[in-house]
Amino acid sequence: MEQVNHGDVTRRMNARLLLNSVSKFIFLLATLFGLVVLSILLYRVVSQGIGWLNFDFLTGKLSTQPERAGIMGAILGTSWLMFVVAPVTLFLGVGTALYLELYAKKGRLQGFIQTNIANLAGVPSIVYGILGLTIFVRALNFGNIILAGGLTMALLILPIVIVASQEAIRAVPNHLSEASFGMGATKWQTIKTVILPVALPGILTGAILSLSRAIGETAPLVVIGIPALLLPFPGGIFDKFTVLPMQIYYWTLDSSLVAEYANLAAATIIVLLVALLVLNSTAIVIRNKFQKRY
């Protein structure tokens, strides 16, 4: 019987403990670095923009005079954009996920579609802007209105919603659907009453986080020509518009000419961060609520 060399065992254990300590220290440094950078960014934005954040700023129109400028038009434009993006994305995204997971035959075609959807989730956002410019703005002659911008942003986040919805559907335990079939339910009845309710937390979480990305995107809207001019407040999906990220972008550019525009951009960033925080918190609340139910 082979003898155990206690000296070798001790050395290997000490080496593993040392490696564990070094790895832990490196991961701690990485975490602290991210927190420090984020803290500096938040401090800079809040200190620079909080003094400009007031009721008149939130409810006023765009102006060439920084002290009179407001972002209500950008807030309404962002809201109308989400009014288009949310239903289009949810309907197409969840429907596609249901078809691929529960109806499509497993094979090369299904695998090809699945692979391409996963690849589309990593395509740079500016490419979707070019696609939106080609199809919605020029081919369909929509122009740079809310409908064109909303459909473009829906294309951007659609692959993400499809993938998130598929993962949520796959996570539904098989015994639940089998029990439904065993009681005589049809496939659609099983989907409607068993699979969708159980998968809903994951679907909604992925959809809301995707909408958060859409709210913060600028590149596709720049490509399709969304302006940041003195526009009237948008009142429908066929009106011209601007959004919060676009306003931040243009005010940041103009800050090289007028320093006060940097403060306006910082104040708008605070508003955008609050909106994103509310959306992400909503996703967490919805997930926790439905997970307790099922």
Protein backbone atom coordinates (compact mmCIF):
# COMPACT_ATOMS: atom_id res chain seq x y z
CA MET A 1 0.00 0.00 0.00
CA GLU A 2 1.42 3.36 -1.06
CA GLN A 3 2.50 5.58 1.81
CA VAL A 4 1.14 9.10 2.04
CA ASN A 5 3.81 11.80 2.12
CA HIS A 6 2.44 14.21 4.67
CA GLY A 7 4.97 16.86 3.66
CA ASP A 8 3.68 16.89 0.05
CA VAL A 9 0.06 16.99 1.21
CA THR A 10 0.80 19.94 3.49
CA ARG A 11 2.59 21.82 0.71
CA ARG A 12 -0.30 21.27 -1.71
CA MET A 13 -2.80 22.43 0.89
CA ASN A 14 -0.76 25.54 1.64
CA ALA A 15 -0.47 26.29 -2.07
CA ARG A 16 -4.23 25.99 -2.52
CA LEU A 17 -4.89 28.18 0.50
CA LEU A 18 -2.46 30.77 -0.84
CA LEU A 19 -4.10 30.65 -4.29
CA ASN A 20 -7.51 31.04 -2.66
CA SER A 21 -6.34 34.07 -0.66
CA VAL A 22 -4.75 35.70 -3.72
CA SER A 23 -7.87 35.10 -5.82
CA LYS A 24 -10.08 36.52 -3.07
CA PHE A 25 -7.88 39.62 -2.86
CA ILE A 26 -7.95 40.14 -6.64
CA PHE A 27 -11.74 39.80 -6.77
CA LEU A 28 -12.06 42.25 -3.86
CA LEU A 29 -9.85 44.77 -5.71
CA ALA A 30 -11.96 44.39 -8.86
CA THR A 31 -15.15 44.99 -6.87
CA LEU A 32 -13.68 48.01 -5.06
CA PHE A 33 -12.41 49.46 -8.34
CA GLY A 34 -15.89 49.28 -9.86
CA LEU A 35 -17.49 50.80 -6.76
CA VAL A 36 -14.95 53.63 -6.60
CA VAL A 37 -15.41 54.52 -10.28
CA LEU A 38 -19.20 54.39 -9.90
CA SER A 39 -19.06 56.54 -6.76
CA ILE A 40 -16.90 59.15 -8.48
CA LEU A 41 -19.24 59.23 -11.45
CA LEU A 42 -22.35 59.58 -9.27
CA TYR A 43 -20.73 62.28 -7.14
CA ARG A 44 -19.70 64.24 -10.22
CA VAL A 45 -23.14 63.99 -11.82
CA VAL A 46 -25.11 64.76 -8.64
CA SER A 47 -22.90 67.65 -7.54
CA GLN A 48 -22.99 69.18 -11.00
CA GLY A 49 -26.69 68.71 -11.75
CA ILE A 50 -28.64 68.73 -8.49
CA GLY A 51 -28.72 72.54 -8.35
CA TRP A 52 -30.41 72.69 -11.76
CA LEU A 53 -33.02 70.07 -10.93
CA ASN A 54 -36.32 71.80 -10.12
CA PHE A 55 -39.97 71.84 -11.13
CA ASP A 56 -39.44 74.30 -13.97
CA PHE A 57 -36.65 72.15 -15.39
CA LEU A 58 -38.82 69.02 -15.30
CA THR A 59 -41.89 70.67 -16.85
CA GLY A 60 -40.33 73.25 -19.18
CA LYS A 61 -39.62 73.22 -22.90
CA LEU A 62 -36.22 73.14 -24.57
CA SER A 63 -34.59 76.55 -24.85
CA THR A 64 -31.41 78.08 -26.19
CA GLN A 65 -31.04 79.81 -22.82
CA PRO A 66 -29.70 77.26 -20.29
CA GLU A 67 -31.43 78.85 -17.30
CA ARG A 68 -34.82 78.48 -19.02
CA ALA A 69 -34.35 75.02 -20.57
CA GLY A 70 -36.56 72.10 -19.58
CA ILE A 71 -36.86 68.42 -20.42
CA MET A 72 -40.61 67.74 -20.40
CA GLY A 73 -40.48 67.16 -24.16
CA ALA A 74 -37.72 64.58 -23.71
CA ILE A 75 -39.61 62.88 -20.85
CA LEU A 76 -42.79 62.65 -22.94
CA GLY A 77 -40.78 61.44 -25.95
CA THR A 78 -39.19 58.70 -23.84
CA SER A 79 -42.62 57.68 -22.47
CA TRP A 80 -44.17 57.52 -25.95
CA LEU A 81 -41.18 55.55 -27.22
CA MET A 82 -41.70 52.94 -24.49
CA PHE A 83 -45.42 52.92 -25.33
CA VAL A 84 -44.42 51.53 -28.75
CA VAL A 85 -41.48 49.39 -27.69
CA ALA A 86 -43.09 47.50 -24.78
CA PRO A 87 -46.12 45.88 -26.49
CA VAL A 88 -44.27 45.14 -29.73
CA THR A 89 -41.38 43.51 -27.88
CA LEU A 90 -43.52 41.52 -25.46
CA PHE A 91 -45.89 40.21 -28.11
CA LEU A 92 -43.22 39.22 -30.63
CA GLY A 93 -40.61 38.15 -28.08
CA VAL A 94 -42.83 35.92 -25.94
CA GLY A 95 -44.64 34.54 -29.00
CA THR A 96 -41.35 33.61 -30.68
CA ALA A 97 -40.06 31.99 -27.49
CA LEU A 98 -43.23 29.93 -27.10
CA TYR A 99 -43.05 28.75 -30.71
CA LEU A 100 -39.38 27.79 -30.55
CA GLU A 101 -39.69 25.98 -27.22
CA LEU A 102 -43.11 24.32 -27.47
CA TYR A 103 -44.14 24.08 -31.12
CA ALA A 104 -41.09 24.05 -33.42
CA LYS A 105 -39.65 20.63 -34.25
CA LYS A 106 -36.16 20.09 -32.89
CA GLY A 107 -33.73 19.95 -35.76
CA ARG A 108 -31.28 21.87 -37.87
CA LEU A 109 -33.72 24.63 -38.77
CA GLN A 110 -34.69 25.23 -35.17
CA GLY A 111 -31.03 25.18 -34.14
CA PHE A 112 -30.15 27.59 -36.95
CA ILE A 113 -32.86 30.04 -35.85
CA GLN A 114 -31.82 29.72 -32.21
CA THR A 115 -28.17 30.39 -33.02
CA ASN A 116 -28.98 33.47 -35.07
CA ILE A 117 -31.23 34.90 -32.36
CA ALA A 118 -28.42 34.47 -29.83
CA ASN A 119 -26.00 36.17 -32.24
CA LEU A 120 -28.39 39.06 -32.84
CA ALA A 121 -28.38 39.80 -29.10
CA GLY A 122 -24.72 40.77 -29.42
CA VAL A 123 -24.98 42.95 -32.54
CA PRO A 124 -23.90 46.59 -31.89
CA SER A 125 -26.86 48.92 -31.42
CA ILE A 126 -25.80 51.23 -34.23
CA VAL A 127 -26.42 48.40 -36.72
CA TYR A 128 -30.06 48.36 -35.64
CA GLY A 129 -30.12 52.10 -36.18
CA ILE A 130 -29.02 51.58 -39.78
CA LEU A 131 -31.68 48.90 -40.19
CA GLY A 132 -34.35 51.20 -38.77
CA LEU A 133 -33.22 54.04 -41.03
CA THR A 134 -33.40 51.78 -44.09
CA ILE A 135 -36.75 50.12 -43.37
CA PHE A 136 -38.88 52.40 -41.23
CA VAL A 137 -37.59 55.88 -42.05
CA ARG A 138 -36.93 55.50 -45.79
CA ALA A 139 -38.60 52.36 -47.20
CA LEU A 140 -41.88 52.81 -45.28
CA ASN A 141 -41.47 56.60 -45.36
CA PHE A 142 -42.32 57.07 -41.68
CA GLY A 143 -39.69 59.73 -41.15
CA ASN A 144 -38.06 60.29 -37.77
CA ILE A 145 -41.27 59.96 -35.73
CA ILE A 146 -41.96 58.06 -32.52
CA LEU A 147 -43.30 55.00 -34.38
CA ALA A 148 -40.09 54.61 -36.40
CA GLY A 149 -37.91 55.09 -33.32
CA GLY A 150 -40.01 52.67 -31.27
CA LEU A 151 -39.90 49.92 -33.89
CA THR A 152 -36.14 50.39 -34.24
CA MET A 153 -35.61 50.08 -30.49
CA ALA A 154 -37.95 47.07 -30.40
CA LEU A 155 -35.71 45.33 -32.94
CA LEU A 156 -32.72 46.14 -30.73
CA ILE A 157 -34.03 44.44 -27.59
CA LEU A 158 -36.18 41.75 -29.23
CA PRO A 159 -33.42 39.05 -29.29
CA ILE A 160 -32.74 39.67 -25.58
CA VAL A 161 -36.41 39.28 -24.70
CA ILE A 162 -36.67 36.09 -26.78
CA VAL A 163 -33.66 34.50 -25.08
CA ALA A 164 -34.85 35.53 -21.59
CA SER A 165 -38.34 34.21 -22.29
CA GLN A 166 -36.96 30.89 -23.56
CA GLU A 167 -34.90 30.45 -20.42
CA ALA A 168 -37.95 31.20 -18.27
CA ILE A 169 -40.07 28.67 -20.19
CA ARG A 170 -37.37 26.00 -19.93
CA ALA A 171 -37.25 26.54 -16.17
CA VAL A 172 -40.90 25.46 -15.76
CA PRO A 173 -40.91 21.96 -14.16
CA ASN A 174 -42.04 19.26 -16.59
CA HIS A 175 -44.34 17.62 -14.05
CA LEU A 176 -46.62 20.68 -14.05
CA SER A 177 -47.34 20.50 -17.77
CA GLU A 178 -47.56 16.71 -17.66
CA ALA A 179 -50.15 16.93 -14.89
CA SER A 180 -52.14 19.40 -17.01
CA PHE A 181 -52.06 17.08 -20.01
CA GLY A 182 -53.02 14.18 -17.78
CA MET A 183 -56.18 16.04 -16.73
CA GLY A 184 -57.20 16.41 -20.37
CA ALA A 185 -56.08 19.98 -21.04
CA THR A 186 -55.08 20.94 -24.57
CA LYS A 187 -51.63 22.27 -25.38
CA TRP A 188 -52.80 25.89 -25.52
CA GLN A 189 -54.74 25.50 -22.25
CA THR A 190 -51.60 24.13 -20.63
CA ILE A 191 -49.54 27.02 -21.95
CA LYS A 192 -52.08 29.63 -20.84
CA THR A 193 -52.88 28.28 -17.39
CA VAL A 194 -49.67 26.50 -16.35
CA ILE A 195 -46.54 27.39 -18.32
CA LEU A 196 -47.02 31.14 -18.78
CA PRO A 197 -48.01 31.90 -15.16
CA VAL A 198 -44.98 29.99 -13.85
CA ALA A 199 -42.60 31.51 -16.41
CA LEU A 200 -44.03 35.02 -16.00
CA PRO A 201 -41.49 36.25 -13.38
CA GLY A 202 -38.53 35.43 -15.62
CA ILE A 203 -40.25 36.79 -18.73
CA LEU A 204 -41.20 40.08 -17.09
CA THR A 205 -37.80 40.49 -15.45
CA GLY A 206 -36.01 40.03 -18.79
CA ALA A 207 -38.47 42.32 -20.57
CA ILE A 208 -38.19 45.15 -18.03
CA LEU A 209 -34.40 44.99 -17.96
CA SER A 210 -34.43 45.07 -21.77
CA LEU A 211 -36.67 48.14 -21.69
CA SER A 212 -34.14 49.74 -19.36
CA ARG A 213 -31.51 49.22 -22.02
CA ALA A 214 -33.78 50.70 -24.67
CA ILE A 215 -34.35 53.82 -22.57
CA GLY A 216 -30.62 54.42 -22.28
CA GLU A 217 -29.67 53.79 -25.92
CA THR A 218 -28.62 56.71 -28.11
CA ALA A 219 -26.80 55.34 -31.18
CA PRO A 220 -29.85 53.96 -33.08
CA LEU A 221 -31.76 57.22 -32.58
CA VAL A 222 -28.80 59.28 -33.76
CA VAL A 223 -28.64 57.20 -36.95
CA ILE A 224 -32.34 57.59 -37.78
CA GLY A 225 -32.02 61.34 -37.26
CA ILE A 226 -33.89 62.11 -34.03
CA PRO A 227 -33.40 65.86 -33.44
CA ALA A 228 -32.80 67.82 -30.25
CA LEU A 229 -34.45 71.06 -31.40
CA LEU A 230 -37.10 73.34 -29.94
CA LEU A 231 -39.93 70.92 -30.70
CA PRO A 232 -43.50 71.01 -29.36
CA PHE A 233 -44.42 68.31 -26.88
CA PRO A 234 -45.20 65.00 -28.65
CA GLY A 235 -48.81 63.93 -28.37
CA GLY A 236 -48.85 60.64 -30.27
CA ILE A 237 -46.77 58.01 -32.02
CA PHE A 238 -46.78 59.94 -35.31
CA ASP A 239 -45.12 63.07 -33.87
CA LYS A 240 -41.47 64.02 -34.00
CA PHE A 241 -39.71 63.65 -30.68
CA THR A 242 -36.55 63.59 -28.67
CA VAL A 243 -35.61 61.44 -25.67
CA LEU A 244 -33.56 61.84 -22.50
CA PRO A 245 -30.35 60.14 -23.78
CA MET A 246 -30.43 62.26 -26.95
CA GLN A 247 -30.82 65.41 -24.92
CA ILE A 248 -27.88 64.41 -22.72
CA TYR A 249 -25.81 63.71 -25.83
CA TYR A 250 -26.48 67.06 -27.48
CA TRP A 251 -26.10 69.09 -24.29
CA THR A 252 -22.76 67.37 -23.63
CA LEU A 253 -21.58 68.36 -27.11
CA ASP A 254 -22.81 71.94 -26.64
CA SER A 255 -21.05 72.23 -23.26
CA SER A 256 -17.82 73.01 -25.11
CA LEU A 257 -19.46 76.25 -26.27
CA VAL A 258 -21.68 77.04 -23.27
CA ALA A 259 -20.47 75.64 -19.93
CA GLU A 260 -23.97 75.64 -18.38
CA TYR A 261 -25.09 72.92 -20.79
CA ALA A 262 -22.88 70.48 -18.86
CA ASN A 263 -25.00 71.17 -15.76
CA LEU A 264 -28.19 70.60 -17.76
CA ALA A 265 -26.78 67.30 -19.04
CA ALA A 266 -25.90 66.24 -15.47
CA ALA A 267 -29.42 67.09 -14.25
CA THR A 268 -30.93 65.08 -17.11
CA ILE A 269 -28.66 62.14 -16.24
CA ILE A 270 -30.08 62.20 -12.70
CA VAL A 271 -33.63 62.01 -14.10
CA LEU A 272 -32.64 59.14 -16.40
CA LEU A 273 -30.92 57.26 -13.56
CA VAL A 274 -34.03 57.61 -11.39
CA ALA A 275 -36.19 56.23 -14.24
CA LEU A 276 -33.83 53.27 -14.69
CA LEU A 277 -33.77 52.64 -10.94
CA VAL A 278 -37.57 52.57 -10.85
CA LEU A 279 -37.74 50.13 -13.77
CA ASN A 280 -35.10 47.79 -12.35
CA SER A 281 -36.73 47.89 -8.90
CA THR A 282 -40.05 47.03 -10.54
CA ALA A 283 -38.44 43.99 -12.16
CA ILE A 284 -37.15 42.80 -8.77
CA VAL A 285 -40.53 43.33 -7.07
CA ILE A 286 -42.40 41.47 -9.83
CA ARG A 287 -39.95 38.58 -9.74
CA ASN A 288 -40.14 38.22 -5.96
CA LYS A 289 -43.94 38.48 -5.91
CA PHE A 290 -44.57 35.77 -8.50
CA GLN A 291 -41.82 33.49 -7.21
CA LYS A 292 -43.58 33.35 -3.84
CA ARG A 293 -46.80 32.36 -5.60
CA TYR A 294 -45.28 29.46 -7.54
